[in-house]
N, C-alpha and C. Protein backbone atom coordinates (compact mmCIF):
# COMPACT_ATOMS: atom_id res chain seq x y z
N GLY A 1 0.78 -1.26 0.08
CA GLY A 1 0.03 -0.01 -0.04
C GLY A 1 0.92 1.14 0.11
N PHE A 2 0.62 1.99 -0.99
CA PHE A 2 1.51 3.24 -0.94
C PHE A 2 0.42 4.43 -0.74
N VAL A 3 1.01 5.17 0.21
CA VAL A 3 0.09 6.40 0.54
C VAL A 3 0.54 7.65 -0.23
N GLU A 4 -0.43 8.42 -0.41
CA GLU A 4 -0.21 9.70 -1.24
C GLU A 4 0.44 10.69 -0.09
N VAL A 5 1.29 11.17 -0.58
CA VAL A 5 2.17 12.07 0.47
C VAL A 5 1.27 13.27 0.98
N ASN A 6 0.43 13.76 0.34
CA ASN A 6 -0.45 14.92 0.85
C ASN A 6 -1.46 14.47 1.64
N SER A 7 -1.89 13.24 1.89
CA SER A 7 -2.71 12.55 2.83
C SER A 7 -2.13 12.29 4.21
N VAL A 8 -0.83 12.56 4.32
CA VAL A 8 -0.01 12.25 5.66
C VAL A 8 -0.41 13.41 6.53
N VAL A 9 -0.78 12.95 7.80
CA VAL A 9 -1.00 13.89 8.78
C VAL A 9 0.36 14.65 9.05
N PRO A 10 0.39 15.84 9.09
CA PRO A 10 1.71 16.50 9.20
C PRO A 10 2.32 16.41 10.71
N VAL A 11 1.34 16.34 11.49
CA VAL A 11 1.76 16.36 13.04
C VAL A 11 0.98 15.34 13.74
N THR A 12 1.68 14.54 14.41
CA THR A 12 0.92 13.53 15.61
C THR A 12 1.10 14.23 16.79
N TRP A 13 0.04 14.73 17.45
CA TRP A 13 0.16 15.36 18.78
C TRP A 13 0.15 14.40 20.05
N GLY A 14 1.11 14.85 20.85
CA GLY A 14 1.03 14.24 22.13
C GLY A 14 0.15 14.78 23.09
N ASN A 15 0.71 15.26 24.29
CA ASN A 15 -0.18 16.02 25.14
C ASN A 15 -0.11 17.29 24.94
N PHE A 16 -1.31 18.17 25.36
CA PHE A 16 -1.18 19.67 25.50
C PHE A 16 -1.83 20.14 26.66
N THR A 17 -1.05 20.88 27.67
CA THR A 17 -1.49 21.11 28.88
C THR A 17 -1.35 22.65 29.10
N ALA A 18 -2.07 23.08 30.00
CA ALA A 18 -2.06 24.50 30.50
C ALA A 18 -2.07 24.46 32.03
N GLU A 19 -1.09 25.18 32.61
CA GLU A 19 -1.03 25.26 34.12
C GLU A 19 -0.66 26.53 34.59
N LYS A 20 -0.98 26.62 36.00
CA LYS A 20 -0.50 28.04 36.47
C LYS A 20 1.01 27.99 36.92
N ASN A 21 1.52 29.06 36.54
CA ASN A 21 3.05 29.20 37.04
C ASN A 21 3.27 30.57 37.60
N GLY A 22 2.90 30.76 38.96
CA GLY A 22 3.00 31.80 39.64
C GLY A 22 1.86 32.81 38.92
N LYS A 23 2.20 33.95 38.35
CA LYS A 23 1.12 34.85 37.81
C LYS A 23 1.01 34.69 36.43
N ALA A 24 1.76 33.53 35.90
CA ALA A 24 1.68 33.39 34.33
C ALA A 24 0.89 31.89 34.23
N VAL A 25 0.68 31.74 32.96
CA VAL A 25 0.22 30.31 32.59
C VAL A 25 1.25 29.71 31.71
N LEU A 26 1.65 28.47 31.91
CA LEU A 26 2.70 27.46 31.29
C LEU A 26 1.99 26.59 30.22
N LEU A 27 2.06 26.82 29.17
CA LEU A 27 1.53 25.93 28.11
C LEU A 27 2.60 24.94 27.78
N LYS A 28 2.32 23.58 27.81
CA LYS A 28 3.24 22.67 27.19
C LYS A 28 2.55 21.73 26.46
N TRP A 29 3.23 21.37 25.30
CA TRP A 29 2.81 20.26 24.39
C TRP A 29 3.98 19.52 23.72
N ASN A 30 3.61 18.35 23.18
CA ASN A 30 4.81 17.67 22.60
C ASN A 30 4.10 17.05 21.30
N THR A 31 5.00 16.73 20.26
CA THR A 31 4.62 16.02 19.05
C THR A 31 5.52 14.74 19.21
N LEU A 32 4.70 13.58 18.52
CA LEU A 32 5.27 12.45 18.30
C LEU A 32 5.88 12.46 16.99
N GLN A 33 5.49 13.11 16.07
CA GLN A 33 5.88 13.02 14.65
C GLN A 33 5.40 14.32 13.99
N GLU A 34 6.41 14.88 13.18
CA GLU A 34 6.11 16.15 12.37
C GLU A 34 6.73 15.95 11.08
N GLN A 35 5.79 16.59 10.09
CA GLN A 35 6.19 16.43 8.67
C GLN A 35 5.82 17.81 8.06
N ASN A 36 6.75 18.51 7.61
CA ASN A 36 6.57 19.75 6.88
C ASN A 36 6.02 20.91 7.78
N ALA A 37 6.32 20.61 9.22
CA ALA A 37 5.45 21.75 10.36
C ALA A 37 6.37 22.89 10.00
N SER A 38 5.80 23.95 10.17
CA SER A 38 6.41 25.33 9.98
C SER A 38 6.53 26.03 11.50
N GLN A 39 5.24 26.14 12.02
CA GLN A 39 5.27 26.92 13.36
C GLN A 39 4.00 26.50 14.09
N TYR A 40 4.12 26.70 15.43
CA TYR A 40 2.91 26.77 16.22
C TYR A 40 2.67 28.08 16.90
N ILE A 41 1.32 28.41 16.49
CA ILE A 41 0.98 29.87 17.09
C ILE A 41 -0.03 29.49 18.03
N VAL A 42 0.38 30.31 19.15
CA VAL A 42 -0.36 30.21 20.35
C VAL A 42 -1.52 31.11 20.46
N GLU A 43 -2.84 30.72 20.70
CA GLU A 43 -3.79 31.65 20.52
C GLU A 43 -4.66 31.55 22.06
N ARG A 44 -5.25 32.71 22.36
CA ARG A 44 -5.69 32.74 23.65
C ARG A 44 -7.18 33.65 23.53
N SER A 45 -8.20 33.24 24.38
CA SER A 45 -9.35 33.81 24.45
C SER A 45 -9.77 34.02 25.74
N GLY A 46 -10.80 34.98 25.87
CA GLY A 46 -11.56 35.12 27.21
C GLY A 46 -12.86 34.53 27.12
N ASN A 47 -13.34 34.14 26.06
CA ASN A 47 -14.74 33.61 25.84
C ASN A 47 -14.96 32.33 25.06
N GLY A 48 -13.69 31.90 24.76
CA GLY A 48 -13.72 30.62 23.91
C GLY A 48 -14.34 30.72 22.56
N ILE A 49 -14.50 32.08 22.08
CA ILE A 49 -15.06 32.13 20.74
C ILE A 49 -13.88 32.94 19.82
N SER A 50 -13.71 34.26 20.35
CA SER A 50 -12.94 34.86 19.60
C SER A 50 -11.37 34.87 20.24
N PHE A 51 -10.51 34.39 19.36
CA PHE A 51 -8.96 34.24 19.86
C PHE A 51 -8.01 35.28 19.37
N ILE A 52 -7.09 35.50 20.12
CA ILE A 52 -5.87 36.43 19.53
C ILE A 52 -4.66 35.62 19.73
N THR A 53 -3.76 35.99 18.90
CA THR A 53 -2.45 35.43 18.71
C THR A 53 -1.64 36.08 19.92
N ILE A 54 -1.08 35.23 20.71
CA ILE A 54 -0.15 35.72 21.94
C ILE A 54 1.27 35.30 21.75
N GLY A 55 1.53 34.58 20.85
CA GLY A 55 2.95 34.12 20.58
C GLY A 55 3.04 32.94 19.44
N SER A 56 4.29 32.65 18.98
CA SER A 56 4.52 31.55 18.19
C SER A 56 5.87 30.82 18.45
N LEU A 57 5.91 29.63 18.10
CA LEU A 57 7.22 28.88 18.19
C LEU A 57 7.43 28.09 16.74
N THR A 58 8.66 28.13 16.39
CA THR A 58 9.00 27.57 15.20
C THR A 58 9.02 26.03 15.52
N ALA A 59 8.39 25.25 14.54
CA ALA A 59 8.26 23.78 14.73
C ALA A 59 9.53 23.22 14.31
N ALA A 60 9.66 21.98 14.91
CA ALA A 60 11.00 21.09 14.62
C ALA A 60 10.94 20.93 12.96
N GLY A 61 9.86 20.76 12.42
CA GLY A 61 9.85 20.66 10.90
C GLY A 61 9.44 19.18 10.53
N ASN A 62 10.52 18.47 10.66
CA ASN A 62 10.40 16.94 10.15
C ASN A 62 11.17 16.09 11.10
N SER A 63 10.51 15.35 12.01
CA SER A 63 10.93 14.68 13.16
C SER A 63 10.11 13.24 13.40
N ASN A 64 10.78 12.25 13.75
CA ASN A 64 10.04 11.13 14.20
C ASN A 64 10.28 10.86 15.61
N VAL A 65 10.86 11.78 16.30
CA VAL A 65 10.99 11.66 17.76
C VAL A 65 10.11 12.58 18.59
N ASN A 66 10.04 12.34 19.77
CA ASN A 66 9.36 13.19 20.71
C ASN A 66 9.78 14.53 20.98
N VAL A 67 9.11 15.61 20.25
CA VAL A 67 9.69 17.00 20.56
C VAL A 67 8.60 17.79 21.47
N SER A 68 9.38 18.39 22.58
CA SER A 68 8.51 19.11 23.61
C SER A 68 8.71 20.55 23.17
N TYR A 69 7.58 21.10 23.50
CA TYR A 69 7.45 22.72 23.43
C TYR A 69 6.88 23.33 24.65
N SER A 70 7.23 24.63 24.88
CA SER A 70 6.48 25.23 25.98
C SER A 70 6.50 26.65 25.72
N PHE A 71 5.38 27.37 26.19
CA PHE A 71 5.28 28.74 26.03
C PHE A 71 4.54 29.29 27.31
N ASN A 72 5.10 30.33 27.74
CA ASN A 72 4.69 31.13 29.04
C ASN A 72 3.93 32.48 28.60
N ASP A 73 2.52 32.32 29.05
CA ASP A 73 1.73 33.36 28.85
C ASP A 73 1.95 34.28 30.06
N ALA A 74 2.65 35.34 30.14
CA ALA A 74 2.99 36.10 31.19
C ALA A 74 1.98 37.01 31.73
N ALA A 75 0.91 37.24 30.95
CA ALA A 75 0.03 38.33 31.36
C ALA A 75 -1.55 37.60 30.82
N PRO A 76 -1.86 36.58 31.74
CA PRO A 76 -3.17 35.98 31.36
C PRO A 76 -4.42 36.84 31.74
N LEU A 77 -5.60 36.78 31.16
CA LEU A 77 -6.55 37.38 31.50
C LEU A 77 -7.19 37.07 32.83
N GLN A 78 -7.82 38.02 33.52
CA GLN A 78 -8.60 37.68 34.81
C GLN A 78 -9.70 36.77 34.38
N GLY A 79 -9.94 35.96 35.10
CA GLY A 79 -11.15 34.83 35.05
C GLY A 79 -10.62 33.78 34.20
N ILE A 80 -11.60 33.33 33.22
CA ILE A 80 -11.15 32.06 32.49
C ILE A 80 -10.29 32.28 31.11
N ASN A 81 -9.36 31.65 31.06
CA ASN A 81 -8.51 31.80 29.76
C ASN A 81 -8.66 30.57 28.96
N PHE A 82 -8.77 30.77 27.56
CA PHE A 82 -8.93 29.54 26.75
C PHE A 82 -7.82 29.55 25.82
N PHE A 83 -7.16 28.41 25.74
CA PHE A 83 -5.85 28.47 24.87
C PHE A 83 -5.96 27.42 24.00
N ARG A 84 -5.44 27.58 22.46
CA ARG A 84 -5.38 26.63 21.66
C ARG A 84 -4.12 26.92 20.72
N LEU A 85 -3.53 25.81 20.08
CA LEU A 85 -2.53 26.09 19.32
C LEU A 85 -2.89 25.79 17.85
N LYS A 86 -2.25 26.69 16.88
CA LYS A 86 -2.58 26.51 15.57
C LYS A 86 -1.35 26.04 14.89
N GLN A 87 -1.31 24.94 14.43
CA GLN A 87 -0.14 24.32 13.81
C GLN A 87 -0.19 24.62 12.40
N VAL A 88 0.86 25.43 11.94
CA VAL A 88 0.90 25.66 10.67
C VAL A 88 2.00 25.04 9.64
N ASP A 89 1.47 24.51 8.62
CA ASP A 89 2.66 23.80 7.67
C ASP A 89 3.33 24.61 6.91
N ILE A 90 4.39 24.24 6.36
CA ILE A 90 5.31 25.03 5.33
C ILE A 90 4.43 25.51 4.12
N ASP A 91 3.29 24.69 3.81
CA ASP A 91 2.60 25.13 2.69
C ASP A 91 1.45 26.10 3.09
N GLY A 92 1.46 26.57 4.39
CA GLY A 92 0.28 27.42 4.83
C GLY A 92 -0.99 26.81 5.26
N LYS A 93 -1.07 25.39 5.14
CA LYS A 93 -2.21 24.81 5.67
C LYS A 93 -2.13 24.83 7.19
N TYR A 94 -3.09 24.70 7.92
CA TYR A 94 -3.23 24.62 9.39
C TYR A 94 -4.22 23.97 9.95
N ILE A 95 -3.89 23.39 11.23
CA ILE A 95 -5.01 22.57 12.12
C ILE A 95 -4.96 23.30 13.52
N TYR A 96 -6.10 23.27 14.09
CA TYR A 96 -6.01 23.57 15.74
C TYR A 96 -5.95 22.42 16.57
N SER A 97 -5.38 22.71 17.68
CA SER A 97 -5.43 21.67 18.84
C SER A 97 -6.70 21.71 19.44
N ASP A 98 -6.91 20.86 20.44
CA ASP A 98 -7.96 20.86 21.28
C ASP A 98 -7.80 22.35 22.21
N ILE A 99 -8.90 22.63 22.82
CA ILE A 99 -8.85 23.86 23.61
C ILE A 99 -8.65 23.52 25.05
N ARG A 100 -7.54 24.22 25.66
CA ARG A 100 -7.49 24.06 27.08
C ARG A 100 -7.94 25.44 27.83
N GLN A 101 -8.51 25.13 29.02
CA GLN A 101 -8.90 26.39 29.72
C GLN A 101 -8.21 26.40 31.14
N ILE A 102 -8.11 27.54 31.64
CA ILE A 102 -7.44 27.75 32.95
C ILE A 102 -8.10 28.91 33.54
N ASN A 103 -8.71 28.89 34.91
CA ASN A 103 -9.21 29.92 35.42
C ASN A 103 -8.20 30.67 36.23
N PHE A 104 -7.99 32.12 36.02
CA PHE A 104 -6.84 32.84 36.52
C PHE A 104 -7.49 33.76 37.38
N ILE A 105 -7.59 33.72 38.76
CA ILE A 105 -8.02 34.83 39.64
C ILE A 105 -6.93 35.25 40.46
N ASN A 106 -6.62 36.54 40.48
CA ASN A 106 -5.53 37.10 41.24
C ASN A 106 -5.96 36.83 42.81
N PRO A 107 -5.00 36.69 43.53
CA PRO A 107 -5.35 36.30 44.93
C PRO A 107 -6.05 37.54 45.40
N GLY A 108 -7.12 37.55 46.24
CA GLY A 108 -7.82 38.52 46.66
C GLY A 108 -8.85 39.17 45.82
N GLN A 109 -8.77 38.74 44.44
CA GLN A 109 -9.93 39.16 43.57
C GLN A 109 -11.02 38.39 43.99
N VAL A 110 -12.11 39.35 44.00
CA VAL A 110 -13.58 38.71 44.55
C VAL A 110 -14.54 38.80 43.37
N ILE A 111 -14.57 39.74 42.58
CA ILE A 111 -15.52 39.77 41.61
C ILE A 111 -15.01 40.18 40.30
N SER A 112 -15.64 39.87 39.28
CA SER A 112 -15.24 40.21 37.77
C SER A 112 -16.54 40.52 37.13
N ILE A 113 -16.41 41.29 36.25
CA ILE A 113 -17.71 41.91 35.23
C ILE A 113 -17.14 41.65 33.80
N SER A 114 -18.23 41.01 33.08
CA SER A 114 -17.93 41.09 31.66
C SER A 114 -19.43 41.18 31.10
N PRO A 115 -19.58 41.62 29.80
CA PRO A 115 -18.54 42.42 29.17
C PRO A 115 -18.28 43.67 29.69
N ASN A 116 -17.31 44.50 29.64
CA ASN A 116 -16.86 45.73 30.03
C ASN A 116 -16.10 46.47 29.17
N PRO A 117 -16.61 47.42 28.41
CA PRO A 117 -17.95 48.06 28.45
C PRO A 117 -19.21 47.38 28.28
N ALA A 118 -20.31 47.66 28.92
CA ALA A 118 -21.47 46.82 28.63
C ALA A 118 -22.59 47.54 27.90
N LYS A 119 -23.43 46.69 27.27
CA LYS A 119 -24.45 47.47 26.52
C LYS A 119 -25.99 47.00 26.98
N ASP A 120 -26.19 45.75 26.97
CA ASP A 120 -27.46 45.37 27.53
C ASP A 120 -27.48 44.80 28.77
N PHE A 121 -26.26 44.01 29.13
CA PHE A 121 -26.29 43.36 30.38
C PHE A 121 -24.95 43.26 30.92
N ILE A 122 -24.67 42.91 32.15
CA ILE A 122 -23.42 42.51 32.59
C ILE A 122 -23.53 41.09 33.32
N GLN A 123 -22.50 40.38 33.05
CA GLN A 123 -22.41 39.07 33.88
C GLN A 123 -21.25 39.31 35.01
N LEU A 124 -21.85 38.90 36.25
CA LEU A 124 -20.88 39.11 37.32
C LEU A 124 -20.57 37.90 37.89
N LYS A 125 -19.29 37.41 38.10
CA LYS A 125 -18.79 36.27 38.72
C LYS A 125 -18.25 36.72 40.14
N ILE A 126 -18.68 35.94 41.19
CA ILE A 126 -18.14 36.20 42.50
C ILE A 126 -17.30 35.00 42.75
N TYR A 127 -16.11 35.14 43.29
CA TYR A 127 -15.09 33.98 43.64
C TYR A 127 -15.41 34.01 45.05
N SER A 128 -15.30 32.69 45.59
CA SER A 128 -15.58 32.39 46.93
C SER A 128 -14.92 33.28 48.05
N GLU A 129 -13.59 33.51 47.73
CA GLU A 129 -12.66 34.22 48.78
C GLU A 129 -13.36 35.37 49.23
N GLY A 130 -13.93 35.47 50.33
CA GLY A 130 -14.36 36.68 50.77
C GLY A 130 -15.55 37.31 50.07
N GLY A 131 -16.27 36.59 49.12
CA GLY A 131 -17.23 37.16 48.36
C GLY A 131 -18.67 37.05 49.06
N MET A 132 -18.63 35.91 49.81
CA MET A 132 -19.89 35.43 50.32
C MET A 132 -19.64 35.15 51.93
N THR A 133 -20.73 35.74 52.65
CA THR A 133 -20.75 35.09 54.04
C THR A 133 -22.11 34.63 54.27
N GLY A 134 -22.11 33.37 54.87
CA GLY A 134 -23.37 32.79 55.19
C GLY A 134 -24.07 32.49 53.82
N GLY A 135 -23.53 32.52 52.68
CA GLY A 135 -24.02 32.20 51.42
C GLY A 135 -24.92 33.45 50.76
N ILE A 136 -24.82 34.50 51.42
CA ILE A 136 -25.48 35.74 50.97
C ILE A 136 -24.84 36.92 50.91
N ALA A 137 -25.08 37.75 49.81
CA ALA A 137 -24.38 39.04 49.82
C ALA A 137 -25.31 39.90 49.02
N THR A 138 -25.07 41.16 49.10
CA THR A 138 -25.88 42.23 48.42
C THR A 138 -24.89 43.01 47.40
N ILE A 139 -25.71 43.37 46.42
CA ILE A 139 -24.93 44.03 45.29
C ILE A 139 -25.74 45.46 45.38
N HIS A 140 -24.89 46.54 45.41
CA HIS A 140 -25.50 47.78 44.99
C HIS A 140 -24.86 48.48 43.73
N ILE A 141 -25.59 48.97 43.00
CA ILE A 141 -25.02 49.51 41.77
C ILE A 141 -25.08 51.27 41.88
N TYR A 142 -24.01 51.92 41.72
CA TYR A 142 -24.04 53.26 41.88
C TYR A 142 -23.69 53.98 40.65
N SER A 143 -24.32 55.09 40.22
CA SER A 143 -23.89 56.03 39.10
C SER A 143 -22.43 56.51 39.69
N SER A 144 -21.79 57.17 38.70
CA SER A 144 -20.60 58.00 38.87
C SER A 144 -20.78 59.03 39.98
N ALA A 145 -21.96 59.47 40.09
CA ALA A 145 -22.20 60.54 41.02
C ALA A 145 -22.48 59.88 42.41
N MET A 146 -22.26 58.49 42.37
CA MET A 146 -22.63 57.67 43.70
C MET A 146 -23.95 57.73 44.19
N GLN A 147 -24.87 57.74 43.16
CA GLN A 147 -26.25 57.70 43.41
C GLN A 147 -26.76 56.22 43.36
N LEU A 148 -27.38 55.65 44.18
CA LEU A 148 -27.78 54.30 44.19
C LEU A 148 -28.66 54.18 42.98
N VAL A 149 -28.30 53.06 42.08
CA VAL A 149 -29.26 52.79 40.96
C VAL A 149 -30.10 51.47 41.10
N GLN A 150 -29.41 50.55 41.75
CA GLN A 150 -29.92 49.15 41.92
C GLN A 150 -29.44 48.53 42.98
N THR A 151 -30.24 47.62 43.75
CA THR A 151 -29.91 46.88 44.74
C THR A 151 -30.30 45.41 44.48
N ILE A 152 -29.47 44.38 44.55
CA ILE A 152 -29.80 42.95 44.23
C ILE A 152 -29.27 42.16 45.54
N LYS A 153 -30.08 41.20 45.89
CA LYS A 153 -29.68 40.25 46.90
C LYS A 153 -29.16 38.94 46.07
N VAL A 154 -27.95 38.52 46.47
CA VAL A 154 -27.31 37.38 45.65
C VAL A 154 -27.10 36.20 46.90
N THR A 155 -27.53 35.14 46.31
CA THR A 155 -27.39 33.78 47.06
C THR A 155 -26.24 33.00 46.54
N GLN A 156 -25.76 32.02 47.20
CA GLN A 156 -24.64 31.21 46.71
C GLN A 156 -24.97 30.63 45.39
N ALA A 157 -26.30 30.32 45.00
CA ALA A 157 -26.54 29.72 43.63
C ALA A 157 -26.26 30.61 42.63
N ASP A 158 -26.28 31.94 42.85
CA ASP A 158 -26.04 33.05 41.70
C ASP A 158 -24.65 33.25 41.50
N ARG A 159 -23.72 32.66 42.33
CA ARG A 159 -22.50 33.20 42.44
C ARG A 159 -21.69 33.07 41.30
N SER A 160 -21.86 31.84 40.68
CA SER A 160 -20.85 31.67 39.42
C SER A 160 -21.15 32.42 38.25
N ASN A 161 -22.24 32.85 37.98
CA ASN A 161 -22.68 33.60 36.94
C ASN A 161 -24.04 34.32 37.16
N LEU A 162 -24.02 35.54 37.36
CA LEU A 162 -25.21 36.30 37.69
C LEU A 162 -25.39 37.32 36.43
N THR A 163 -26.50 37.18 35.92
CA THR A 163 -26.58 38.33 34.86
C THR A 163 -27.57 39.56 35.17
N ILE A 164 -26.88 40.71 34.96
CA ILE A 164 -27.82 41.82 35.52
C ILE A 164 -27.99 42.87 34.19
N PRO A 165 -29.39 43.09 33.76
CA PRO A 165 -29.63 43.88 32.75
C PRO A 165 -29.31 45.27 33.05
N VAL A 166 -28.49 45.99 32.26
CA VAL A 166 -28.28 47.32 32.34
C VAL A 166 -28.69 48.24 31.19
N LYS A 167 -29.54 47.53 30.33
CA LYS A 167 -29.95 48.17 29.05
C LYS A 167 -30.64 49.61 29.17
N ASN A 168 -31.27 49.94 30.34
CA ASN A 168 -32.00 51.06 30.63
C ASN A 168 -31.09 51.89 31.49
N PHE A 169 -29.85 51.71 31.73
CA PHE A 169 -28.99 52.53 32.51
C PHE A 169 -28.51 53.59 31.35
N PRO A 170 -28.33 54.98 31.84
CA PRO A 170 -27.84 55.90 30.94
C PRO A 170 -26.42 55.56 30.87
N PRO A 171 -25.88 55.99 29.49
CA PRO A 171 -24.40 55.63 29.35
C PRO A 171 -23.57 56.36 30.43
N GLY A 172 -22.42 55.59 30.80
CA GLY A 172 -21.55 56.35 31.71
C GLY A 172 -20.79 55.21 32.66
N ILE A 173 -20.11 55.86 33.65
CA ILE A 173 -19.28 54.96 34.49
C ILE A 173 -20.12 54.54 35.76
N TYR A 174 -20.17 53.32 36.14
CA TYR A 174 -20.92 52.77 37.37
C TYR A 174 -19.97 52.00 38.25
N PHE A 175 -20.43 51.95 39.54
CA PHE A 175 -19.64 51.24 40.39
C PHE A 175 -20.47 50.27 40.95
N LEU A 176 -20.06 48.98 41.03
CA LEU A 176 -20.79 47.89 41.47
C LEU A 176 -20.02 47.59 42.83
N GLN A 177 -21.09 47.41 43.91
CA GLN A 177 -20.34 47.07 45.08
C GLN A 177 -21.06 45.81 45.66
N LEU A 178 -20.06 44.88 46.01
CA LEU A 178 -20.45 43.63 46.55
C LEU A 178 -20.40 43.81 48.17
N VAL A 179 -21.42 43.71 48.96
CA VAL A 179 -21.49 43.98 50.30
C VAL A 179 -21.65 42.57 51.10
N ASN A 180 -20.86 42.23 52.04
CA ASN A 180 -21.29 40.92 52.91
C ASN A 180 -20.85 41.46 54.18
N ASP A 181 -21.04 40.67 55.14
CA ASP A 181 -20.86 40.79 56.68
C ASP A 181 -19.42 41.48 56.96
N SER A 182 -18.47 40.91 56.20
CA SER A 182 -17.09 41.25 56.50
C SER A 182 -16.35 42.20 55.56
N ALA A 183 -16.92 42.48 54.40
CA ALA A 183 -16.10 43.21 53.57
C ALA A 183 -17.10 43.81 52.30
N ILE A 184 -16.69 45.04 51.83
CA ILE A 184 -17.16 45.61 50.69
C ILE A 184 -16.18 45.60 49.52
N ASN A 185 -16.62 45.03 48.39
CA ASN A 185 -15.65 45.00 47.17
C ASN A 185 -16.35 45.83 45.97
N THR A 186 -15.56 46.63 45.54
CA THR A 186 -16.08 47.63 44.45
C THR A 186 -15.46 47.35 43.21
N ILE A 187 -16.23 47.24 42.17
CA ILE A 187 -15.50 47.13 40.83
C ILE A 187 -16.29 48.15 39.86
N LYS A 188 -15.58 48.80 38.74
CA LYS A 188 -16.12 49.66 38.04
C LYS A 188 -16.41 49.10 36.65
N PHE A 189 -17.53 49.63 36.04
CA PHE A 189 -17.82 49.20 34.75
C PHE A 189 -18.36 50.34 33.96
N LEU A 190 -18.38 50.25 32.65
CA LEU A 190 -18.75 51.34 31.76
C LEU A 190 -19.87 50.87 31.04
N LYS A 191 -21.08 51.63 30.93
CA LYS A 191 -22.22 51.57 30.25
C LYS A 191 -22.02 52.22 28.99
N GLU A 192 -22.10 51.55 27.81
CA GLU A 192 -21.94 52.41 26.55
C GLU A 192 -23.24 53.01 26.09
């Protein structure tokens, strides 16, 4: 059986992992075989849909041995990071790896808001450290003039993903305060 050359899979992947490395994310992958491989482009996303290029590594090219690669993302996004590799051949063809995700919370970060700037709604994530006491917290949203716009009671069940409509808010800067028994955490967002 002879095989047409252009039907050969250019890269046989080994493992692809993402792990926290201090304040960075260390990506590691290896290939078991490469043929006409040109480069690996590292892509990152905050939502798993739109990816941007954050770096690239030159591929071994042609090899039949285990080749290991690593890439350090020194400035990961707050919250969840999605990573994928785009393996590009010498002739410009490419394939994507599986996606790996890693949740990156700065120590002490309690809340995050997305999208920011917001149009119709904001999604609030509350991380457990200091965010809730007794499973309940209160959210106050203030205008830039510190006038109270909205108050919301939050339970443990809402914590991971709370959607708050802001469609009717006038455009401008707002402050969202998460208040519990022991702390107040404030985060700023922009309404377009």
